[in-house]
Amino acid sequence: MTFKVGDSAEITKTIEQADVDAFAGVTGDHNPVHVDEEFAKTTRFGRRIAHGMLTASLISAVLANKLPSVSWIVATAEGSEHPGPSSPTGRTA
């Protein structure tokens, strides 16, 4: 797949409370603005909001699913240091 300046890709995802709860569980980020409706009502947002990194992680989904050769380029960029992929056991390969 060849890309040129101006090419783009996108995905559409509705962030559900289950997504936010799962992200909080995986990351340990249980900030009440994300998981406590009563607390979140007292903030400037007026309701619970998704984690910023949850929404940012959708970039990875676009790279992997819509622009797969770009994600390969990013993952193998010269000079990048990465110990290897993490496994569900928490070890790196």
Protein backbone atom coordinates (compact mmCIF):
# COMPACT_ATOMS: atom_id res chain seq x y z
CA MET A 1 0.00 0.00 0.00
CA THR A 2 1.42 3.38 -1.00
CA PHE A 3 0.51 6.63 0.71
CA LYS A 4 0.85 10.19 -0.46
CA VAL A 5 0.45 13.59 1.15
CA GLY A 6 -3.22 14.23 1.79
CA ASP A 7 -4.25 10.61 2.27
CA SER A 8 -6.32 9.96 5.39
CA ALA A 9 -8.11 7.24 7.29
CA GLU A 10 -10.65 7.19 10.07
CA ILE A 11 -12.71 4.98 12.31
CA THR A 12 -15.92 5.69 14.18
CA LYS A 13 -16.37 4.45 17.72
CA THR A 14 -18.95 5.35 20.31
CA ILE A 15 -17.25 5.31 23.70
CA GLU A 16 -19.58 3.51 26.11
CA GLN A 17 -19.33 3.50 29.90
CA ALA A 18 -18.24 -0.15 29.67
CA ASP A 19 -15.24 1.00 27.59
CA VAL A 20 -14.34 3.61 30.21
CA ASP A 21 -14.73 1.08 33.03
CA ALA A 22 -12.59 -1.49 31.20
CA PHE A 23 -9.91 1.13 30.49
CA ALA A 24 -9.92 2.17 34.15
CA GLY A 25 -9.50 -1.47 35.16
CA VAL A 26 -6.62 -2.08 32.77
CA THR A 27 -4.75 1.13 33.56
CA GLY A 28 -5.65 1.57 37.21
CA ASP A 29 -6.83 5.13 36.46
CA HIS A 30 -9.99 5.30 38.55
CA ASN A 31 -10.18 9.09 38.60
CA PRO A 32 -13.75 9.85 39.72
CA VAL A 33 -14.33 12.16 36.74
CA HIS A 34 -14.31 8.96 34.67
CA VAL A 35 -16.07 6.48 36.94
CA ASP A 36 -18.21 8.36 39.50
CA GLU A 37 -21.29 10.04 38.05
CA GLU A 38 -22.12 12.01 41.21
CA PHE A 39 -18.59 13.39 41.48
CA ALA A 40 -18.41 14.11 37.76
CA LYS A 41 -21.60 16.21 38.00
CA THR A 42 -19.68 18.64 40.22
CA THR A 43 -16.95 19.20 37.64
CA ARG A 44 -16.91 21.64 34.75
CA PHE A 45 -17.90 18.74 32.47
CA GLY A 46 -21.14 18.05 34.37
CA ARG A 47 -20.91 14.30 33.69
CA ARG A 48 -18.42 11.46 33.42
CA ILE A 49 -15.89 11.74 30.62
CA ALA A 50 -13.66 9.22 28.88
CA HIS A 51 -9.97 9.05 29.67
CA GLY A 52 -7.91 11.15 27.28
CA MET A 53 -5.58 8.22 26.64
CA LEU A 54 -8.55 6.00 25.80
CA THR A 55 -9.54 8.34 23.01
CA ALA A 56 -5.90 8.81 21.97
CA SER A 57 -5.47 5.05 21.76
CA LEU A 58 -7.90 5.00 18.86
CA ILE A 59 -5.01 6.35 16.78
CA SER A 60 -3.45 2.91 17.17
CA ALA A 61 -6.63 1.31 15.84
CA VAL A 62 -6.50 3.49 12.72
CA LEU A 63 -2.83 2.72 12.16
CA ALA A 64 -3.28 -1.02 12.64
CA ASN A 65 -6.57 -1.48 10.79
CA LYS A 66 -6.76 1.27 8.19
CA LEU A 67 -3.11 2.05 7.50
CA PRO A 68 -1.31 -1.20 8.28
CA SER A 69 1.91 -0.39 6.45
CA VAL A 70 2.13 2.92 8.33
CA SER A 71 1.91 1.12 11.69
CA TRP A 72 4.72 -1.16 10.57
CA ILE A 73 6.80 1.90 9.70
CA VAL A 74 6.08 3.50 13.07
CA ALA A 75 6.87 0.29 14.98
CA THR A 76 10.16 -0.23 13.18
CA ALA A 77 11.31 3.37 13.01
CA GLU A 78 15.07 3.67 13.07
CA GLY A 79 16.36 4.57 16.49
CA SER A 80 13.26 3.46 18.35
CA GLU A 81 13.88 1.42 21.46
CA HIS A 82 11.19 -1.05 22.44
CA PRO A 83 11.76 -4.13 24.57
CA GLY A 84 9.18 -6.13 22.64
CA PRO A 85 5.44 -6.68 22.76
CA SER A 86 3.75 -7.11 26.10
CA SER A 87 1.88 -10.34 26.64
CA PRO A 88 -1.25 -10.87 28.74
CA THR A 89 1.08 -12.24 31.45
CA GLY A 90 2.76 -8.85 31.68
CA ARG A 91 6.04 -10.07 30.26
CA THR A 92 7.70 -8.61 27.22
CA ALA A 93 8.69 -10.94 24.43
